[in-house]
PDB file of N, CA and C in Angstrom:
ATOM      1  N   MET A   1      20.776 -40.651 -49.005  1.00  0.00           N
ATOM      2  CA  MET A   1      20.348 -39.436 -49.666  1.00  0.00           C
ATOM      3  C   MET A   1      18.844 -39.436 -49.914  1.00  0.00           C
ATOM      4  N   ALA A   2      18.309 -40.594 -50.313  1.00  0.00           N
ATOM      5  CA  ALA A   2      16.873 -40.706 -50.580  1.00  0.00           C
ATOM      6  C   ALA A   2      16.063 -40.518 -49.305  1.00  0.00           C
ATOM      7  N   VAL A   3      16.587 -40.998 -48.182  1.00  0.00           N
ATOM      8  CA  VAL A   3      15.898 -40.841 -46.898  1.00  0.00           C
ATOM      9  C   VAL A   3      15.824 -39.367 -46.525  1.00  0.00           C
ATOM     10  N   LEU A   4      16.883 -38.635 -46.797  1.00  0.00           N
ATOM     11  CA  LEU A   4      16.921 -37.209 -46.500  1.00  0.00           C
ATOM     12  C   LEU A   4      15.885 -36.450 -47.339  1.00  0.00           C
ATOM     13  N   ILE A   5      15.739 -36.820 -48.578  1.00  0.00           N
ATOM     14  CA  ILE A   5      14.744 -36.186 -49.454  1.00  0.00           C
ATOM     15  C   ILE A   5      13.338 -36.478 -48.948  1.00  0.00           C
ATOM     16  N   VAL A   6      13.084 -37.707 -48.507  1.00  0.00           N
ATOM     17  CA  VAL A   6      11.769 -38.073 -47.975  1.00  0.00           C
ATOM     18  C   VAL A   6      11.471 -37.276 -46.708  1.00  0.00           C
ATOM     19  N   ILE A   7      12.467 -37.104 -45.852  1.00  0.00           N
ATOM     20  CA  ILE A   7      12.280 -36.325 -44.625  1.00  0.00           C
ATOM     21  C   ILE A   7      11.959 -34.872 -44.957  1.00  0.00           C
ATOM     22  N   TYR A   8      12.677 -34.294 -45.888  1.00  0.00           N
ATOM     23  CA  TYR A   8      12.395 -32.909 -46.306  1.00  0.00           C
ATOM     24  C   TYR A   8      11.000 -32.778 -46.901  1.00  0.00           C
ATOM     25  N   MET A   9      10.584 -33.756 -47.677  1.00  0.00           N
ATOM     26  CA  MET A   9       9.239 -33.724 -48.275  1.00  0.00           C
ATOM     27  C   MET A   9       8.162 -33.811 -47.183  1.00  0.00           C
ATOM     28  N   LEU A  10       8.378 -34.652 -46.197  1.00  0.00           N
ATOM     29  CA  LEU A  10       7.420 -34.771 -45.102  1.00  0.00           C
ATOM     30  C   LEU A  10       7.336 -33.478 -44.293  1.00  0.00           C
ATOM     31  N   ILE A  11       8.475 -32.867 -44.044  1.00  0.00           N
ATOM     32  CA  ILE A  11       8.481 -31.585 -43.332  1.00  0.00           C
ATOM     33  C   ILE A  11       7.751 -30.525 -44.145  1.00  0.00           C
ATOM     34  N   LEU A  12       7.976 -30.512 -45.445  1.00  0.00           N
ATOM     35  CA  LEU A  12       7.295 -29.557 -46.312  1.00  0.00           C
ATOM     36  C   LEU A  12       5.779 -29.777 -46.287  1.00  0.00           C
ATOM     37  N   VAL A  13       5.348 -31.021 -46.352  1.00  0.00           N
ATOM     38  CA  VAL A  13       3.915 -31.332 -46.324  1.00  0.00           C
ATOM     39  C   VAL A  13       3.303 -30.894 -44.993  1.00  0.00           C
ATOM     40  N   ILE A  14       3.998 -31.132 -43.888  1.00  0.00           N
ATOM     41  CA  ILE A  14       3.499 -30.732 -42.572  1.00  0.00           C
ATOM     42  C   ILE A  14       3.382 -29.214 -42.480  1.00  0.00           C
ATOM     43  N   CYS A  15       4.374 -28.505 -42.992  1.00  0.00           N
ATOM     44  CA  CYS A  15       4.333 -27.037 -42.979  1.00  0.00           C
ATOM     45  C   CYS A  15       3.174 -26.504 -43.816  1.00  0.00           C
ATOM     46  N   VAL A  16       2.943 -27.109 -44.958  1.00  0.00           N
ATOM     47  CA  VAL A  16       1.835 -26.692 -45.813  1.00  0.00           C
ATOM     48  C   VAL A  16       0.495 -26.947 -45.120  1.00  0.00           C
ATOM     49  N   LEU A  17       0.350 -28.080 -44.459  1.00  0.00           N
ATOM     50  CA  LEU A  17      -0.892 -28.392 -43.748  1.00  0.00           C
ATOM     51  C   LEU A  17      -1.139 -27.429 -42.587  1.00  0.00           C
ATOM     52  N   VAL A  18      -0.090 -27.093 -41.852  1.00  0.00           N
ATOM     53  CA  VAL A  18      -0.227 -26.140 -40.749  1.00  0.00           C
ATOM     54  C   VAL A  18      -0.608 -24.763 -41.287  1.00  0.00           C
ATOM     55  N   ALA A  19       0.034 -24.336 -42.363  1.00  0.00           N
ATOM     56  CA  ALA A  19      -0.293 -23.042 -42.968  1.00  0.00           C
ATOM     57  C   ALA A  19      -1.734 -23.022 -43.465  1.00  0.00           C
ATOM     58  N   TYR A  20      -2.183 -24.120 -44.039  1.00  0.00           N
ATOM     59  CA  TYR A  20      -3.569 -24.213 -44.515  1.00  0.00           C
ATOM     60  C   TYR A  20      -4.546 -24.124 -43.346  1.00  0.00           C
ATOM     61  N   ALA A  21      -4.236 -24.805 -42.240  1.00  0.00           N
ATOM     62  CA  ALA A  21      -5.107 -24.757 -41.064  1.00  0.00           C
ATOM     63  C   ALA A  21      -5.172 -23.344 -40.490  1.00  0.00           C
ATOM     64  N   VAL A  22      -4.042 -22.673 -40.410  1.00  0.00           N
ATOM     65  CA  VAL A  22      -4.008 -21.296 -39.908  1.00  0.00           C
ATOM     66  C   VAL A  22      -4.805 -20.385 -40.837  1.00  0.00           C
ATOM     67  N   MET A  23      -4.670 -20.577 -42.132  1.00  0.00           N
ATOM     68  CA  MET A  23      -5.414 -19.765 -43.092  1.00  0.00           C
ATOM     69  C   MET A  23      -6.920 -19.970 -42.923  1.00  0.00           C
ATOM     70  N   GLN A  24      -7.343 -21.203 -42.726  1.00  0.00           N
ATOM     71  CA  GLN A  24      -8.765 -21.486 -42.538  1.00  0.00           C
ATOM     72  C   GLN A  24      -9.298 -20.835 -41.262  1.00  0.00           C
ATOM     73  N   ILE A  25      -8.509 -20.865 -40.216  1.00  0.00           N
ATOM     74  CA  ILE A  25      -8.924 -20.235 -38.962  1.00  0.00           C
ATOM     75  C   ILE A  25      -9.059 -18.733 -39.147  1.00  0.00           C
ATOM     76  N   LYS A  26      -8.109 -18.130 -39.831  1.00  0.00           N
ATOM     77  CA  LYS A  26      -8.162 -16.685 -40.076  1.00  0.00           C
ATOM     78  C   LYS A  26      -9.322 -16.314 -41.002  1.00  0.00           C
ATOM     79  N   LEU A  27      -9.601 -17.147 -41.997  1.00  0.00           N
ATOM     80  CA  LEU A  27     -10.730 -16.886 -42.890  1.00  0.00           C
ATOM     81  C   LEU A  27     -12.056 -16.983 -42.152  1.00  0.00           C
ATOM     82  N   PHE A  28     -12.083 -17.760 -41.093  1.00  0.00           N
ATOM     83  CA  PHE A  28     -13.292 -17.900 -40.291  1.00  0.00           C
ATOM     84  C   PHE A  28     -13.482 -16.706 -39.369  1.00  0.00           C
ATOM     85  N   GLY A  29     -12.480 -15.801 -39.348  1.00  0.00           N
ATOM     86  CA  GLY A  29     -12.583 -14.582 -38.565  1.00  0.00           C
ATOM     87  C   GLY A  29     -12.111 -14.727 -37.138  1.00  0.00           C
ATOM     88  N   MET A  30     -11.223 -15.659 -36.899  1.00  0.00           N
ATOM     89  CA  MET A  30     -10.737 -15.906 -35.547  1.00  0.00           C
ATOM     90  C   MET A  30      -9.229 -15.732 -35.484  1.00  0.00           C
ATOM     91  N   LYS A  31      -8.741 -15.605 -34.276  1.00  0.00           N
ATOM     92  CA  LYS A  31      -7.302 -15.621 -34.050  1.00  0.00           C
ATOM     93  C   LYS A  31      -6.905 -17.046 -33.687  1.00  0.00           C
ATOM     94  N   VAL A  32      -5.704 -17.422 -34.028  1.00  0.00           N
ATOM     95  CA  VAL A  32      -5.224 -18.770 -33.736  1.00  0.00           C
ATOM     96  C   VAL A  32      -5.182 -18.992 -32.224  1.00  0.00           C
ATOM     97  N   LYS A  33      -4.809 -17.965 -31.489  1.00  0.00           N
ATOM     98  CA  LYS A  33      -4.752 -18.071 -30.029  1.00  0.00           C
ATOM     99  C   LYS A  33      -6.146 -18.337 -29.450  1.00  0.00           C
ATOM    100  N   ASP A  34      -7.165 -17.665 -29.987  1.00  0.00           N
ATOM    101  CA  ASP A  34      -8.534 -17.894 -29.533  1.00  0.00           C
ATOM    102  C   ASP A  34      -8.989 -19.316 -29.854  1.00  0.00           C
ATOM    103  N   PHE A  35      -8.611 -19.806 -31.022  1.00  0.00           N
ATOM    104  CA  PHE A  35      -8.980 -21.165 -31.407  1.00  0.00           C
ATOM    105  C   PHE A  35      -8.306 -22.180 -30.496  1.00  0.00           C
ATOM    106  N   TRP A  36      -7.039 -21.954 -30.177  1.00  0.00           N
ATOM    107  CA  TRP A  36      -6.332 -22.873 -29.279  1.00  0.00           C
ATOM    108  C   TRP A  36      -6.954 -22.829 -27.879  1.00  0.00           C
ATOM    109  N   GLY A  37      -7.326 -21.643 -27.436  1.00  0.00           N
ATOM    110  CA  GLY A  37      -8.010 -21.513 -26.147  1.00  0.00           C
ATOM    111  C   GLY A  37      -9.339 -22.242 -26.145  1.00  0.00           C
ATOM    112  N   PHE A  38     -10.029 -22.209 -27.281  1.00  0.00           N
ATOM    113  CA  PHE A  38     -11.289 -22.929 -27.406  1.00  0.00           C
ATOM    114  C   PHE A  38     -11.066 -24.434 -27.297  1.00  0.00           C
ATOM    115  N   ILE A  39     -10.011 -24.934 -27.908  1.00  0.00           N
ATOM    116  CA  ILE A  39      -9.715 -26.375 -27.835  1.00  0.00           C
ATOM    117  C   ILE A  39      -9.445 -26.777 -26.382  1.00  0.00           C
ATOM    118  N   GLU A  40      -8.674 -25.981 -25.684  1.00  0.00           N
ATOM    119  CA  GLU A  40      -8.393 -26.274 -24.277  1.00  0.00           C
ATOM    120  C   GLU A  40      -9.656 -26.155 -23.427  1.00  0.00           C
ATOM    121  N   ALA A  41     -10.480 -25.154 -23.709  1.00  0.00           N
ATOM    122  CA  ALA A  41     -11.729 -24.975 -22.964  1.00  0.00           C
ATOM    123  C   ALA A  41     -12.694 -26.122 -23.233  1.00  0.00           C
ATOM    124  N   ASN A  42     -12.664 -26.648 -24.446  1.00  0.00           N
ATOM    125  CA  ASN A  42     -13.531 -27.767 -24.779  1.00  0.00           C
ATOM    126  C   ASN A  42     -13.152 -29.002 -23.963  1.00  0.00           C
ATOM    127  N   GLN A  43     -11.871 -29.215 -23.761  1.00  0.00           N
ATOM    128  CA  GLN A  43     -11.430 -30.325 -22.916  1.00  0.00           C
ATOM    129  C   GLN A  43     -11.848 -30.102 -21.466  1.00  0.00           C
ATOM    130  N   MET A  44     -11.727 -28.871 -21.000  1.00  0.00           N
ATOM    131  CA  MET A  44     -12.145 -28.558 -19.635  1.00  0.00           C
ATOM    132  C   MET A  44     -13.661 -28.676 -19.493  1.00  0.00           C
ATOM    133  N   LEU A  45     -14.394 -28.347 -20.540  1.00  0.00           N
ATOM    134  CA  LEU A  45     -15.847 -28.484 -20.521  1.00  0.00           C
ATOM    135  C   LEU A  45     -16.238 -29.936 -20.274  1.00  0.00           C
ATOM    136  N   ASP A  46     -15.546 -30.857 -20.910  1.00  0.00           N
ATOM    137  CA  ASP A  46     -15.836 -32.272 -20.698  1.00  0.00           C
ATOM    138  C   ASP A  46     -15.600 -32.660 -19.239  1.00  0.00           C
ATOM    139  N   ARG A  47     -14.518 -32.173 -18.651  1.00  0.00           N
ATOM    140  CA  ARG A  47     -14.224 -32.498 -17.256  1.00  0.00           C
ATOM    141  C   ARG A  47     -15.260 -31.888 -16.311  1.00  0.00           C
ATOM    142  N   LEU A  48     -15.630 -30.627 -16.551  1.00  0.00           N
ATOM    143  CA  LEU A  48     -16.619 -29.978 -15.689  1.00  0.00           C
ATOM    144  C   LEU A  48     -17.994 -30.622 -15.844  1.00  0.00           C
ATOM    145  N   TYR A  49     -18.304 -31.053 -17.051  1.00  0.00           N
ATOM    146  CA  TYR A  49     -19.580 -31.723 -17.286  1.00  0.00           C
ATOM    147  C   TYR A  49     -19.657 -33.010 -16.468  1.00  0.00           C
ATOM    148  N   MET A  50     -18.593 -33.797 -16.495  1.00  0.00           N
ATOM    149  CA  MET A  50     -18.565 -35.030 -15.715  1.00  0.00           C
ATOM    150  C   MET A  50     -18.611 -34.718 -14.214  1.00  0.00           C
ATOM    151  N   PHE A  51     -17.923 -33.672 -13.804  1.00  0.00           N
ATOM    152  CA  PHE A  51     -17.916 -33.263 -12.401  1.00  0.00           C
ATOM    153  C   PHE A  51     -19.306 -32.823 -11.962  1.00  0.00           C
ATOM    154  N   ALA A  52     -19.991 -32.068 -12.803  1.00  0.00           N
ATOM    155  CA  ALA A  52     -21.332 -31.592 -12.475  1.00  0.00           C
ATOM    156  C   ALA A  52     -22.314 -32.751 -12.375  1.00  0.00           C
ATOM    157  N   LYS A  53     -22.125 -33.776 -13.179  1.00  0.00           N
ATOM    158  CA  LYS A  53     -23.003 -34.941 -13.143  1.00  0.00           C
ATOM    159  C   LYS A  53     -22.767 -35.792 -11.902  1.00  0.00           C
ATOM    160  N   GLN A  54     -21.528 -35.874 -11.434  1.00  0.00           N
ATOM    161  CA  GLN A  54     -21.187 -36.775 -10.336  1.00  0.00           C
ATOM    162  C   GLN A  54     -21.485 -36.183  -8.963  1.00  0.00           C
ATOM    163  N   TYR A  55     -21.291 -34.895  -8.805  1.00  0.00           N
ATOM    164  CA  TYR A  55     -21.368 -34.302  -7.482  1.00  0.00           C
ATOM    165  C   TYR A  55     -22.589 -33.401  -7.345  1.00  0.00           C
ATOM    166  N   GLU A  56     -23.458 -33.778  -6.419  1.00  0.00           N
ATOM    167  CA  GLU A  56     -24.606 -32.933  -6.114  1.00  0.00           C
ATOM    168  C   GLU A  56     -24.215 -31.865  -5.101  1.00  0.00           C
ATOM    169  N   ARG A  57     -23.501 -32.284  -4.069  1.00  0.00           N
ATOM    170  CA  ARG A  57     -23.080 -31.359  -3.028  1.00  0.00           C
ATOM    171  C   ARG A  57     -21.566 -31.190  -3.103  1.00  0.00           C
ATOM    172  N   MET A  58     -21.127 -29.961  -3.240  1.00  0.00           N
ATOM    173  CA  MET A  58     -19.697 -29.671  -3.300  1.00  0.00           C
ATOM    174  C   MET A  58     -19.294 -28.893  -2.061  1.00  0.00           C
ATOM    175  N   THR A  59     -18.059 -29.056  -1.686  1.00  0.00           N
ATOM    176  CA  THR A  59     -17.525 -28.247  -0.592  1.00  0.00           C
ATOM    177  C   THR A  59     -17.355 -26.819  -1.104  1.00  0.00           C
ATOM    178  N   PRO A  60     -17.267 -25.853  -0.207  1.00  0.00           N
ATOM    179  CA  PRO A  60     -17.060 -24.469  -0.662  1.00  0.00           C
ATOM    180  C   PRO A  60     -15.817 -24.301  -1.538  1.00  0.00           C
ATOM    181  N   GLN A  61     -14.751 -25.030  -1.224  1.00  0.00           N
ATOM    182  CA  GLN A  61     -13.534 -24.928  -2.038  1.00  0.00           C
ATOM    183  C   GLN A  61     -13.781 -25.496  -3.433  1.00  0.00           C
ATOM    184  N   GLU A  62     -14.482 -26.623  -3.542  1.00  0.00           N
ATOM    185  CA  GLU A  62     -14.810 -27.199  -4.849  1.00  0.00           C
ATOM    186  C   GLU A  62     -15.710 -26.268  -5.641  1.00  0.00           C
ATOM    187  N   GLN A  63     -16.619 -25.587  -4.945  1.00  0.00           N
ATOM    188  CA  GLN A  63     -17.494 -24.634  -5.622  1.00  0.00           C
ATOM    189  C   GLN A  63     -16.697 -23.487  -6.229  1.00  0.00           C
ATOM    190  N   ILE A  64     -15.752 -22.965  -5.491  1.00  0.00           N
ATOM    191  CA  ILE A  64     -14.935 -21.858  -5.995  1.00  0.00           C
ATOM    192  C   ILE A  64     -14.119 -22.295  -7.202  1.00  0.00           C
ATOM    193  N   ILE A  65     -13.540 -23.479  -7.121  1.00  0.00           N
ATOM    194  CA  ILE A  65     -12.769 -23.998  -8.253  1.00  0.00           C
ATOM    195  C   ILE A  65     -13.669 -24.189  -9.459  1.00  0.00           C
ATOM    196  N   TYR A  66     -14.850 -24.763  -9.241  1.00  0.00           N
ATOM    197  CA  TYR A  66     -15.789 -24.984 -10.333  1.00  0.00           C
ATOM    198  C   TYR A  66     -16.189 -23.657 -10.978  1.00  0.00           C
ATOM    199  N   LEU A  67     -16.489 -22.657 -10.158  1.00  0.00           N
ATOM    200  CA  LEU A  67     -16.897 -21.355 -10.696  1.00  0.00           C
ATOM    201  C   LEU A  67     -15.786 -20.703 -11.509  1.00  0.00           C
ATOM    202  N   SER A  68     -14.564 -20.762 -11.012  1.00  0.00           N
ATOM    203  CA  SER A  68     -13.465 -20.113 -11.742  1.00  0.00           C
ATOM    204  C   SER A  68     -13.177 -20.838 -13.060  1.00  0.00           C
ATOM    205  N   GLU A  69     -13.213 -22.158 -13.058  1.00  0.00           N
ATOM    206  CA  GLU A  69     -12.980 -22.912 -14.293  1.00  0.00           C
ATOM    207  C   GLU A  69     -14.116 -22.696 -15.285  1.00  0.00           C
ATOM    208  N   ALA A  70     -15.336 -22.629 -14.793  1.00  0.00           N
ATOM    209  CA  ALA A  70     -16.480 -22.399 -15.678  1.00  0.00           C
ATOM    210  C   ALA A  70     -16.390 -21.016 -16.328  1.00  0.00           C
ATOM    211  N   GLU A  71     -15.963 -20.026 -15.574  1.00  0.00           N
ATOM    212  CA  GLU A  71     -15.824 -18.678 -16.142  1.00  0.00           C
ATOM    213  C   GLU A  71     -14.771 -18.649 -17.243  1.00  0.00           C
ATOM    214  N   LYS A  72     -13.683 -19.397 -17.070  1.00  0.00           N
ATOM    215  CA  LYS A  72     -12.663 -19.484 -18.122  1.00  0.00           C
ATOM    216  C   LYS A  72     -13.255 -20.096 -19.392  1.00  0.00           C
ATOM    217  N   ILE A  73     -14.070 -21.111 -19.216  1.00  0.00           N
ATOM    218  CA  ILE A  73     -14.707 -21.763 -20.367  1.00  0.00           C
ATOM    219  C   ILE A  73     -15.641 -20.795 -21.067  1.00  0.00           C
ATOM    220  N   PHE A  74     -16.439 -20.070 -20.298  1.00  0.00           N
ATOM    221  CA  PHE A  74     -17.385 -19.127 -20.894  1.00  0.00           C
ATOM    222  C   PHE A  74     -16.659 -18.074 -21.738  1.00  0.00           C
ATOM    223  N   LYS A  75     -15.526 -17.575 -21.227  1.00  0.00           N
ATOM    224  CA  LYS A  75     -14.756 -16.572 -21.969  1.00  0.00           C
ATOM    225  C   LYS A  75     -14.210 -17.151 -23.271  1.00  0.00           C
ATOM    226  N   ALA A  76     -13.697 -18.373 -23.210  1.00  0.00           N
ATOM    227  CA  ALA A  76     -13.134 -18.999 -24.411  1.00  0.00           C
ATOM    228  C   ALA A  76     -14.220 -19.285 -25.437  1.00  0.00           C
ATOM    229  N   PHE A  77     -15.380 -19.730 -24.996  1.00  0.00           N
ATOM    230  CA  PHE A  77     -16.459 -20.045 -25.924  1.00  0.00           C
ATOM    231  C   PHE A  77     -17.061 -18.783 -26.533  1.00  0.00           C
ATOM    232  N   ASP A  78     -16.987 -17.660 -25.813  1.00  0.00           N
ATOM    233  CA  ASP A  78     -17.501 -16.399 -26.353  1.00  0.00           C
ATOM    234  C   ASP A  78     -16.650 -15.878 -27.505  1.00  0.00           C
ATOM    235  N   LYS A  79     -15.388 -16.281 -27.564  1.00  0.00           N
ATOM    236  CA  LYS A  79     -14.479 -15.777 -28.585  1.00  0.00           C
ATOM    237  C   LYS A  79     -14.587 -16.510 -29.921  1.00  0.00           C
ATOM    238  N   VAL A  80     -15.291 -17.636 -29.956  1.00  0.00           N
ATOM    239  CA  VAL A  80     -15.396 -18.404 -31.199  1.00  0.00           C
ATOM    240  C   VAL A  80     -16.845 -18.405 -31.666  1.00  0.00           C
ATOM    241  N   PRO A  81     -17.055 -18.566 -32.961  1.00  0.00           N
ATOM    242  CA  PRO A  81     -18.421 -18.607 -33.485  1.00  0.00           C
ATOM    243  C   PRO A  81     -19.208 -19.804 -32.937  1.00  0.00           C
ATOM    244  N   ASP A  82     -20.505 -19.626 -32.818  1.00  0.00           N
ATOM    245  CA  ASP A  82     -21.365 -20.667 -32.262  1.00  0.00           C
ATOM    246  C   ASP A  82     -21.361 -21.950 -33.085  1.00  0.00           C
ATOM    247  N   GLU A  83     -21.116 -21.845 -34.368  1.00  0.00           N
ATOM    248  CA  GLU A  83     -21.147 -23.026 -35.232  1.00  0.00           C
ATOM    249  C   GLU A  83     -20.079 -24.050 -34.844  1.00  0.00           C
ATOM    250  N   LEU A  84     -19.001 -23.592 -34.223  1.00  0.00           N
ATOM    251  CA  LEU A  84     -17.926 -24.508 -33.856  1.00  0.00           C
ATOM    252  C   LEU A  84     -18.288 -25.403 -32.679  1.00  0.00           C
ATOM    253  N   TRP A  85     -19.179 -24.943 -31.830  1.00  0.00           N
ATOM    254  CA  TRP A  85     -19.469 -25.734 -30.644  1.00  0.00           C
ATOM    255  C   TRP A  85     -20.935 -26.103 -30.513  1.00  0.00           C
ATOM    256  N   GLU A  86     -21.645 -26.205 -31.636  1.00  0.00           N
ATOM    257  CA  GLU A  86     -23.050 -26.611 -31.604  1.00  0.00           C
ATOM    258  C   GLU A  86     -23.242 -27.977 -30.972  1.00  0.00           C
ATOM    259  N   GLU A  87     -22.351 -28.913 -31.282  1.00  0.00           N
ATOM    260  CA  GLU A  87     -22.509 -30.270 -30.773  1.00  0.00           C
ATOM    261  C   GLU A  87     -22.188 -30.369 -29.282  1.00  0.00           C
ATOM    262  N   GLU A  88     -21.522 -29.389 -28.732  1.00  0.00           N
ATOM    263  CA  GLU A  88     -21.194 -29.371 -27.312  1.00  0.00           C
ATOM    264  C   GLU A  88     -22.197 -28.550 -26.512  1.00  0.00           C
ATOM    265  N   TYR A  89     -23.284 -28.111 -27.144  1.00  0.00           N
ATOM    266  CA  TYR A  89     -24.217 -27.201 -26.495  1.00  0.00           C
ATOM    267  C   TYR A  89     -24.874 -27.818 -25.258  1.00  0.00           C
ATOM    268  N   ASP A  90     -25.214 -29.093 -25.302  1.00  0.00           N
ATOM    269  CA  ASP A  90     -25.864 -29.733 -24.148  1.00  0.00           C
ATOM    270  C   ASP A  90     -24.934 -29.752 -22.930  1.00  0.00           C
ATOM    271  N   LYS A  91     -23.668 -30.065 -23.168  1.00  0.00           N
ATOM    272  CA  LYS A  91     -22.691 -30.047 -22.069  1.00  0.00           C
ATOM    273  C   LYS A  91     -22.530 -28.621 -21.533  1.00  0.00           C
ATOM    274  N   TYR A  92     -22.441 -27.671 -22.446  1.00  0.00           N
ATOM    275  CA  TYR A  92     -22.284 -26.271 -22.063  1.00  0.00           C
ATOM    276  C   TYR A  92     -23.477 -25.821 -21.223  1.00  0.00           C
ATOM    277  N   LYS A  93     -24.674 -26.199 -21.652  1.00  0.00           N
ATOM    278  CA  LYS A  93     -25.888 -25.822 -20.936  1.00  0.00           C
ATOM    279  C   LYS A  93     -25.916 -26.439 -19.534  1.00  0.00           C
ATOM    280  N   GLU A  94     -25.468 -27.677 -19.403  1.00  0.00           N
ATOM    281  CA  GLU A  94     -25.412 -28.340 -18.094  1.00  0.00           C
ATOM    282  C   GLU A  94     -24.413 -27.648 -17.176  1.00  0.00           C
ATOM    283  N   VAL A  95     -23.256 -27.273 -17.713  1.00  0.00           N
ATOM    284  CA  VAL A  95     -22.244 -26.569 -16.914  1.00  0.00           C
ATOM    285  C   VAL A  95     -22.776 -25.200 -16.491  1.00  0.00           C
ATOM    286  N   VAL A  96     -23.456 -24.508 -17.385  1.00  0.00           N
ATOM    287  CA  VAL A  96     -24.035 -23.197 -17.043  1.00  0.00           C
ATOM    288  C   VAL A  96     -25.095 -23.355 -15.958  1.00  0.00           C
ATOM    289  N   SER A  97     -25.895 -24.386 -16.065  1.00  0.00           N
ATOM    290  CA  SER A  97     -26.939 -24.628 -15.069  1.00  0.00           C
ATOM    291  C   SER A  97     -26.331 -24.872 -13.688  1.00  0.00           C
ATOM    292  N   LYS A  98     -25.323 -25.715 -13.633  1.00  0.00           N
ATOM    293  CA  LYS A  98     -24.652 -25.990 -12.355  1.00  0.00           C
ATOM    294  C   LYS A  98     -23.960 -24.728 -11.841  1.00  0.00           C
ATOM    295  N   TYR A  99     -23.371 -23.958 -12.741  1.00  0.00           N
ATOM    296  CA  TYR A  99     -22.725 -22.693 -12.392  1.00  0.00           C
ATOM    297  C   TYR A  99     -23.738 -21.747 -11.741  1.00  0.00           C
ATOM    298  N   ASN A 100     -24.908 -21.616 -12.367  1.00  0.00           N
ATOM    299  CA  ASN A 100     -25.946 -20.740 -11.821  1.00  0.00           C
ATOM    300  C   ASN A 100     -26.457 -21.250 -10.477  1.00  0.00           C
ATOM    301  N   ASP A 101     -26.588 -22.559 -10.330  1.00  0.00           N
ATOM    302  CA  ASP A 101     -27.031 -23.130  -9.059  1.00  0.00           C
ATOM    303  C   ASP A 101     -26.036 -22.816  -7.944  1.00  0.00           C
ATOM    304  N   ILE A 102     -24.753 -22.984  -8.235  1.00  0.00           N
ATOM    305  CA  ILE A 102     -23.726 -22.709  -7.230  1.00  0.00           C
ATOM    306  C   ILE A 102     -23.707 -21.229  -6.878  1.00  0.00           C
ATOM    307  N   ARG A 103     -23.799 -20.382  -7.893  1.00  0.00           N
ATOM    308  CA  ARG A 103     -23.808 -18.932  -7.634  1.00  0.00           C
ATOM    309  C   ARG A 103     -24.997 -18.552  -6.762  1.00  0.00           C
ATOM    310  N   MET A 104     -26.156 -19.110  -7.044  1.00  0.00           N
ATOM    311  CA  MET A 104     -27.356 -18.817  -6.261  1.00  0.00           C
ATOM    312  C   MET A 104     -27.206 -19.339  -4.831  1.00  0.00           C
ATOM    313  N   LEU A 105     -26.665 -20.532  -4.683  1.00  0.00           N
ATOM    314  CA  LEU A 105     -26.445 -21.115  -3.365  1.00  0.00           C
ATOM    315  C   LEU A 105     -25.477 -20.267  -2.553  1.00  0.00           C
ATOM    316  N   ARG A 106     -24.401 -19.823  -3.185  1.00  0.00           N
ATOM    317  CA  ARG A 106     -23.421 -19.003  -2.476  1.00  0.00           C
ATOM    318  C   ARG A 106     -23.999 -17.619  -2.152  1.00  0.00           C
ATOM    319  N   TRP A 107     -24.844 -17.100  -3.041  1.00  0.00           N
ATOM    320  CA  TRP A 107     -25.443 -15.784  -2.806  1.00  0.00           C
ATOM    321  C   TRP A 107     -26.416 -15.833  -1.631  1.00  0.00           C
ATOM    322  N   THR A 108     -27.212 -16.902  -1.569  1.00  0.00           N
ATOM    323  CA  THR A 108     -28.184 -17.007  -0.476  1.00  0.00           C
ATOM    324  C   THR A 108     -27.508 -17.301   0.850  1.00  0.00           C
ATOM    325  N   SER A 109     -26.364 -17.988   0.815  1.00  0.00           N
ATOM    326  CA  SER A 109     -25.672 -18.294   2.075  1.00  0.00           C
ATOM    327  C   SER A 109     -24.946 -17.075   2.643  1.00  0.00           C
ATOM    328  N   ASN A 110     -24.660 -16.100   1.790  1.00  0.00           N
ATOM    329  CA  ASN A 110     -23.989 -14.884   2.277  1.00  0.00           C
ATOM    330  C   ASN A 110     -25.049 -13.988   2.794  1.00  0.00           C
TER     331      ASN A 110
END
């Protein structure tokens, strides 16, 4: 019986913490879906940043994939306030730079 009470208390604490997190996100003026998209985009930003650092020359297929993934990141980052991703600004700037380079390269080749 005591174990059951402890389990219920833990579930209650978890529910309260989740509700508090959702409330904080809403008070910040965001939607929970946008915040979750930002978290996923932040993970993708790390991958694209490493990819941009490693590869100087990409195949046309890699360029298209890079451009489409970068555009998804840009959309997700536009939906959240800048204060949330200040520390990721250098990575974001590097991805944007590589994005612009690829776009320019593809534009001149056409």
